[in-house]
Every structure is written in C-alpha cells, then in structure tokens.
C-alpha cells in the first residue's frame, strides 16, 4: 500500500497550448506538401516531440529523443514491407510507429 502512495505523490498533466499545435501542424502540412511527402517523418517528429515534451507523468516530464532521419529509415523499410505484402503490413504500421515513438521517449528529470 505504501508503494501506491509514493507513486501518487507527483502530479500528471499536459501543458501544451492549442495555438502552438495548430502552428506545428500547419508547418508540417506545408513542409510535407512542398517536399511531396519526403519530409513527412520530420513533420511527425515535430508533432510527437511537442506532445511528449509537454507531458508530465507523476511529476516527471517526458522527453522525446526521436530524430527524423531515424524515422525516415524506418519509414522506407515500412513502405517496402507494405509493397511486398500487398498492403497487409499496413495493419501493423501504426503499431510499429507507436513502438518507435515509445522507444524514443524517456524521462527528462
């Protein structure tokens, strides 16, 4: 029981603002459109980073360490897996992306 009390001491919250999210998404759409989708992983990392970096769990802020270049390499691999499997891999693509995001998330403090 004491263990649960210690975990509950820190506060969990999200401190991001709507205007910043809108600006990041618009920038991501522009960059993705101008580069014909090549920079989509960069746009994803930008939004993921914003969401994760503004999240605090049990008093500990999260930090996103992912780099667009690393996601781009995975993106190419996942794209070819979708082609080879005639789209079947696309059912697992969301899970693969979520695993990559969690793998690149840590506590800042």
Protein backbone atom coordinates (compact mmCIF):
# COMPACT_ATOMS: atom_id res chain seq x y z
CA UNK A 1 0.00 0.00 0.00
CA UNK A 2 2.88 2.40 0.79
CA UNK A 3 4.19 1.85 -2.73
CA UNK A 4 0.98 3.22 -4.30
CA UNK A 5 1.11 6.32 -2.08
CA UNK A 6 4.63 7.14 -3.30
CA UNK A 7 3.60 6.82 -6.95
CA UNK A 8 0.60 9.10 -6.47
CA UNK A 9 2.66 11.97 -4.98
CA UNK A 10 3.59 13.52 -8.34
CA UNK A 11 1.08 15.32 -10.48
CA UNK A 12 0.34 14.31 -14.07
CA UNK A 13 -0.64 16.96 -16.60
CA UNK A 14 -0.24 18.26 -20.13
CA UNK A 15 0.88 21.89 -20.57
CA UNK A 16 0.82 22.37 -24.34
CA UNK A 17 -1.22 25.12 -25.98
CA UNK A 18 -3.61 24.96 -28.92
CA UNK A 19 -2.03 27.74 -30.99
CA UNK A 20 1.38 26.09 -30.91
CA UNK A 21 -0.13 22.77 -32.00
CA UNK A 22 -2.01 24.44 -34.86
CA UNK A 23 1.16 26.22 -36.00
CA UNK A 24 3.19 22.99 -35.90
CA UNK A 25 0.56 21.07 -37.86
CA UNK A 26 0.27 23.79 -40.50
CA UNK A 27 4.07 23.90 -40.82
CA UNK A 28 4.13 20.10 -41.08
CA UNK A 29 1.49 20.14 -43.84
CA UNK A 30 3.37 22.82 -45.77
CA UNK A 31 6.74 21.04 -45.48
CA UNK A 32 5.20 17.67 -46.39
CA UNK A 33 3.39 19.15 -49.41
CA UNK A 34 6.40 21.09 -50.70
CA UNK A 35 8.65 18.01 -50.45
CA UNK A 36 5.99 15.68 -51.94
CA UNK A 37 5.83 13.66 -48.71
CA UNK A 38 9.55 13.06 -48.30
CA UNK A 39 9.70 15.16 -45.11
CA UNK A 40 6.59 13.61 -43.55
CA UNK A 41 8.72 11.81 -40.91
CA UNK A 42 10.13 15.22 -39.94
CA UNK A 43 6.58 16.58 -39.52
CA UNK A 44 5.64 13.56 -37.39
CA UNK A 45 8.70 14.01 -35.17
CA UNK A 46 7.92 17.69 -34.76
CA UNK A 47 4.35 17.00 -33.55
CA UNK A 48 5.33 13.92 -31.47
CA UNK A 49 8.08 15.93 -29.81
CA UNK A 50 5.69 18.74 -28.97
CA UNK A 51 3.11 16.36 -27.45
CA UNK A 52 5.61 14.31 -25.48
CA UNK A 53 7.75 17.24 -24.30
CA UNK A 54 4.64 18.93 -22.87
CA UNK A 55 3.59 15.84 -20.88
CA UNK A 56 4.34 15.33 -17.17
CA UNK A 57 3.60 11.98 -15.51
CA UNK A 58 3.81 11.62 -11.72
CA UNK A 59 5.77 14.86 -11.55
CA UNK A 60 8.33 13.73 -14.15
CA UNK A 61 8.44 15.45 -17.53
CA UNK A 62 8.78 13.27 -20.60
CA UNK A 63 11.32 13.99 -23.33
CA UNK A 64 11.17 12.89 -26.96
CA UNK A 65 14.59 11.85 -28.30
CA UNK A 66 13.50 10.72 -31.76
CA UNK A 67 15.21 12.08 -34.86
CA UNK A 68 13.51 12.45 -38.22
CA UNK A 69 16.42 10.80 -40.02
CA UNK A 70 15.98 7.65 -37.92
CA UNK A 71 12.24 7.63 -38.55
CA UNK A 72 12.89 8.18 -42.26
CA UNK A 73 14.97 4.98 -42.40
CA UNK A 74 12.18 3.04 -40.73
CA UNK A 75 9.62 4.76 -42.97
CA UNK A 76 11.40 3.47 -46.09
CA UNK A 77 11.58 -0.05 -44.62
CA UNK A 78 7.90 0.01 -43.66
CA UNK A 79 6.95 1.36 -47.10
CA UNK A 80 8.70 -1.55 -48.83
CA UNK A 81 7.13 -4.04 -46.41
CA UNK A 82 3.71 -2.65 -47.35
CA UNK A 83 4.52 -3.04 -51.05
CA UNK A 84 5.94 -6.57 -50.69
CA UNK A 85 2.96 -7.75 -48.64
CA UNK A 86 0.44 -6.05 -50.95
CA UNK A 87 -0.62 -3.68 -48.17
CA UNK A 88 -1.07 -6.27 -45.45
CA UNK A 89 1.80 -4.81 -43.39
CA UNK A 90 -0.09 -1.51 -43.23
CA UNK A 91 -2.26 -3.07 -40.49
CA UNK A 92 0.90 -3.26 -38.31
CA UNK A 93 2.30 0.08 -39.40
CA UNK A 94 0.54 2.06 -36.66
CA UNK A 95 1.89 -0.33 -34.04
CA UNK A 96 5.42 -0.12 -35.48
CA UNK A 97 5.22 3.67 -35.40
CA UNK A 98 3.95 3.65 -31.80
CA UNK A 99 6.79 1.31 -30.76
CA UNK A 100 9.32 3.67 -32.38
CA UNK A 101 7.77 6.64 -30.58
CA UNK A 102 7.87 4.91 -27.18
CA UNK A 103 11.43 3.69 -27.77
CA UNK A 104 12.45 7.31 -28.30
CA UNK A 105 10.70 8.66 -25.21
CA UNK A 106 12.34 8.99 -21.81
CA UNK A 107 12.04 10.99 -18.60
CA UNK A 108 13.72 14.40 -18.73
CA UNK A 109 14.32 14.58 -14.98
